[in-house]
Protein backbone atom coordinates (compact mmCIF):
# COMPACT_ATOMS: atom_id res chain seq x y z
CA MET A 1 -0.02 -0.05 0.04
CA THR A 2 1.36 3.34 -0.87
CA GLU A 3 0.15 6.64 0.23
CA SER A 4 1.08 9.71 -1.67
CA MET A 5 1.51 12.63 0.62
CA HIS A 6 1.26 15.39 -1.72
CA GLU A 7 1.13 16.20 -5.60
CA ASP A 8 1.22 19.94 -6.32
CA GLN A 9 2.68 21.58 -3.23
CA PRO A 10 1.90 25.15 -2.81
CA GLU A 11 4.76 27.46 -2.73
CA LEU A 12 5.44 28.96 0.55
CA GLY A 13 6.01 32.78 0.31
CA GLU A 14 5.08 36.24 1.43
CA GLY A 15 1.41 37.28 1.96
CA PRO A 16 -0.11 40.65 1.21
CA THR A 17 1.51 43.89 2.33
CA ARG A 18 0.00 45.72 5.30
CA GLY A 19 1.28 49.21 5.91
CA GLY A 20 4.38 48.55 3.72
CA LEU A 21 5.22 45.41 5.61
CA GLN A 22 4.84 42.05 4.28
CA THR A 23 3.04 39.30 6.24
CA SER A 24 3.86 35.80 6.19
CA ILE A 25 0.98 33.61 5.07
CA VAL A 26 2.35 30.64 7.05
CA GLU A 27 0.06 30.49 10.11
CA SER A 28 0.07 26.71 10.42
CA VAL A 29 2.17 23.81 9.79
CA GLN A 30 1.23 20.41 8.18
CA VAL A 31 3.09 17.37 9.48
CA VAL A 32 3.18 13.57 9.11
CA GLU A 33 2.89 12.12 12.64
CA PHE A 34 4.51 8.98 13.48
CA LEU A 35 5.75 6.72 16.42
CA LEU A 36 9.20 5.81 17.50
CA GLY A 37 8.96 3.43 20.52
CA ARG A 38 6.33 5.14 22.72
CA GLU A 39 7.02 8.63 21.71
CA HIS A 40 5.15 10.70 19.15
CA PHE A 41 7.14 12.55 16.44
CA ALA A 42 6.38 14.65 13.38
CA ILE A 43 8.20 15.91 10.29
CA ASP A 44 7.00 18.46 7.72
CA LEU A 45 4.57 17.15 5.23
CA PHE A 46 6.28 18.75 2.36
CA ASP A 47 9.49 16.93 3.24
CA VAL A 48 7.73 13.58 2.49
CA ARG A 49 7.00 11.92 -0.73
CA GLU A 50 4.96 8.86 0.42
CA VAL A 51 4.47 6.33 3.16
CA VAL A 52 5.02 2.72 2.22
CA GLU A 53 4.63 -0.59 4.13
CA TYR A 54 7.65 -2.48 5.07
CA THR A 55 9.51 -4.38 2.47
CA THR A 56 12.49 -6.72 2.60
CA ILE A 57 15.58 -4.58 3.26
CA THR A 58 18.89 -5.67 2.00
CA LYS A 59 21.60 -5.12 4.52
CA LEU A 60 24.81 -3.24 3.51
CA PRO A 61 28.30 -4.21 4.78
CA ASN A 62 30.42 -1.54 6.55
CA THR A 63 27.86 0.99 7.10
CA PRO A 64 26.70 2.88 10.22
CA SER A 65 24.35 0.99 12.50
CA TYR A 66 21.48 3.50 11.64
CA ILE A 67 21.69 2.70 7.96
CA LYS A 68 19.21 -0.28 7.88
CA GLY A 69 19.98 -1.03 4.28
CA ILE A 70 18.43 -0.65 0.81
CA ILE A 71 15.02 -1.63 -0.81
CA ASP A 72 13.92 -1.63 -4.31
CA LEU A 73 11.04 0.75 -4.56
CA ARG A 74 9.41 0.60 -7.93
CA GLY A 75 12.81 -0.03 -9.55
CA GLU A 76 14.72 2.83 -7.55
CA ILE A 77 17.27 1.89 -5.01
CA THR A 78 16.31 3.74 -1.82
CA THR A 79 18.52 3.78 1.36
CA ILE A 80 16.60 3.10 4.50
CA ILE A 81 17.54 4.98 7.83
CA ASP A 82 16.50 3.43 11.10
CA LEU A 83 15.48 6.67 12.89
CA LYS A 84 15.26 4.95 16.19
CA GLN A 85 18.84 3.92 15.98
CA GLN A 86 20.05 7.28 14.67
CA MET A 87 18.17 9.22 17.61
CA ASN A 88 19.14 6.70 20.23
CA ILE A 89 15.48 5.77 21.14
CA PRO A 90 15.33 2.77 23.26
CA GLU A 91 13.55 -0.34 22.12
CA GLU A 92 10.68 -0.10 24.63
CA THR A 93 7.89 -1.65 22.55
CA GLU A 94 7.87 -4.95 20.86
CA VAL A 95 7.07 -3.81 17.17
CA GLN A 96 8.09 -6.41 14.70
CA GLU A 97 10.12 -5.02 11.90
CA GLU A 98 7.57 -6.34 9.31
CA ASP A 99 4.97 -4.18 10.97
CA CYS A 100 7.08 -0.97 10.60
CA ARG A 101 6.49 1.74 7.94
CA VAL A 102 8.89 3.66 5.75
CA ILE A 103 8.48 7.23 5.08
CA VAL A 104 9.97 8.09 1.81
CA LEU A 105 11.49 11.52 1.77
CA ASP A 106 11.10 13.93 -1.14
CA ASP A 107 14.36 13.57 -3.11
CA ARG A 108 14.31 17.31 -3.86
CA ILE A 109 15.51 17.83 -0.15
CA THR A 110 17.55 14.62 0.17
CA LYS A 111 19.32 14.76 -3.40
CA SER A 112 19.02 10.91 -3.39
CA LYS A 113 16.41 8.16 -2.58
CA ILE A 114 16.18 7.91 1.25
CA GLY A 115 13.39 6.51 3.50
CA ILE A 116 13.06 6.58 7.23
CA MET A 117 11.85 3.50 9.09
CA VAL A 118 9.35 4.22 11.91
CA ASP A 119 7.17 2.12 14.01
CA ASP A 120 3.90 3.46 12.70
CA VAL A 121 2.59 6.44 10.87
CA SER A 122 -0.48 7.84 12.64
CA SER A 123 -1.77 10.83 10.71
CA VAL A 124 -1.20 13.87 8.64
CA SER A 125 -2.27 16.92 10.61
CA THR A 126 -2.38 20.65 10.48
CA PHE A 127 -1.47 22.56 13.55
CA SER A 128 -1.44 26.35 14.27
CA LEU A 129 1.89 27.84 15.06
CA ALA A 130 0.38 28.71 18.43
CA GLN A 131 0.33 25.00 19.35
CA VAL A 132 4.13 24.72 18.89
CA ASP A 133 6.32 25.41 21.91
CA ARG A 134 9.79 26.37 20.86
CA THR A 135 11.13 27.67 24.22
CA ALA A 136 11.08 24.22 26.05
CA ILE A 137 13.60 22.90 23.29
CA ALA A 138 15.79 25.95 23.75
CA GLU A 139 15.98 25.52 27.63
CA THR A 140 16.37 21.63 27.69
CA SER A 141 18.29 20.61 24.62
CA ALA A 142 21.11 21.76 22.38
CA ASP A 143 19.78 19.25 19.83
CA THR A 144 19.01 21.31 16.81
CA HIS A 145 17.18 18.40 15.05
CA ILE A 146 14.10 19.32 17.22
CA LEU A 147 12.08 22.24 15.77
CA GLY A 148 9.63 22.43 18.68
CA ILE A 149 6.99 20.60 20.68
CA ILE A 150 3.49 20.46 19.16
CA LYS A 151 0.67 20.40 21.81
CA LYS A 152 -2.09 18.25 20.33
CA GLN A 153 -5.32 18.45 22.10
CA THR A 154 -7.37 15.19 22.07
CA ARG A 155 -10.44 13.88 24.13
CA ILE A 156 -10.04 10.46 25.55
CA LYS A 157 -12.87 9.03 27.92
CA GLU A 158 -14.44 12.49 28.20
CA ARG A 159 -11.20 14.04 29.59
CA ASP A 160 -9.13 16.44 27.57
CA ILE A 161 -5.57 15.32 27.08
CA THR A 162 -2.59 17.14 25.69
CA GLU A 163 -0.25 14.92 23.74
CA LEU A 164 3.21 16.06 22.98
CA ILE A 165 4.71 15.62 19.59
CA ILE A 166 8.29 16.15 19.03
CA TRP A 167 8.70 18.07 15.81
CA ILE A 168 11.89 17.17 14.21
CA ASP A 169 13.98 18.82 11.35
CA ILE A 170 14.57 15.87 9.03
CA ARG A 171 16.74 18.14 6.74
CA HIS A 172 19.19 19.11 9.44
CA LEU A 173 19.20 15.43 10.81
CA LEU A 174 20.09 14.18 7.21
CA GLU A 175 22.79 16.91 6.98
CA THR A 176 24.49 15.56 10.09
CA ILE A 177 24.13 12.09 8.84
CA ASN A 178 25.80 12.95 5.54
CA HIS A 179 28.80 14.53 7.48
CA THR A 180 29.45 11.52 9.67
CA VAL A 181 29.24 8.84 6.94
């Protein structure tokens, strides 16, 4: 099963001018939400080409442990990165590799065919920028892979719950991977 994330992406740019000042049209963010272990993560929707089900991965010799291997995705060799391994997320859940999903990244940002293996993809969501907390990251972490914490309001058993979703900068994460390989 393949889910295409986007076909014609709108160009992000400047909005109308008000009093000589240009205002940004970006008031919200669209993300793909996914699970790594017990934690919820998200990456920008426009960095994603598609989500595919797990397929057999061919392991490559002499590669870093976070390089899971390669797959043949419709005739294109695609490198698979184990995001849990790369981000040092412990294996707390018993997710079988065959139940994992691969988020294939847009090759306009990666310059090659790259997919990231995640435990599950939960949804594509739109959040207001007011729901993103960037101050907690600045205070607690020097990790520049994290753009912010998205506060998602959900209702479970007639109680309002705030889920925290870690919004990561997949572009920056890939840059650091390329420098260490």
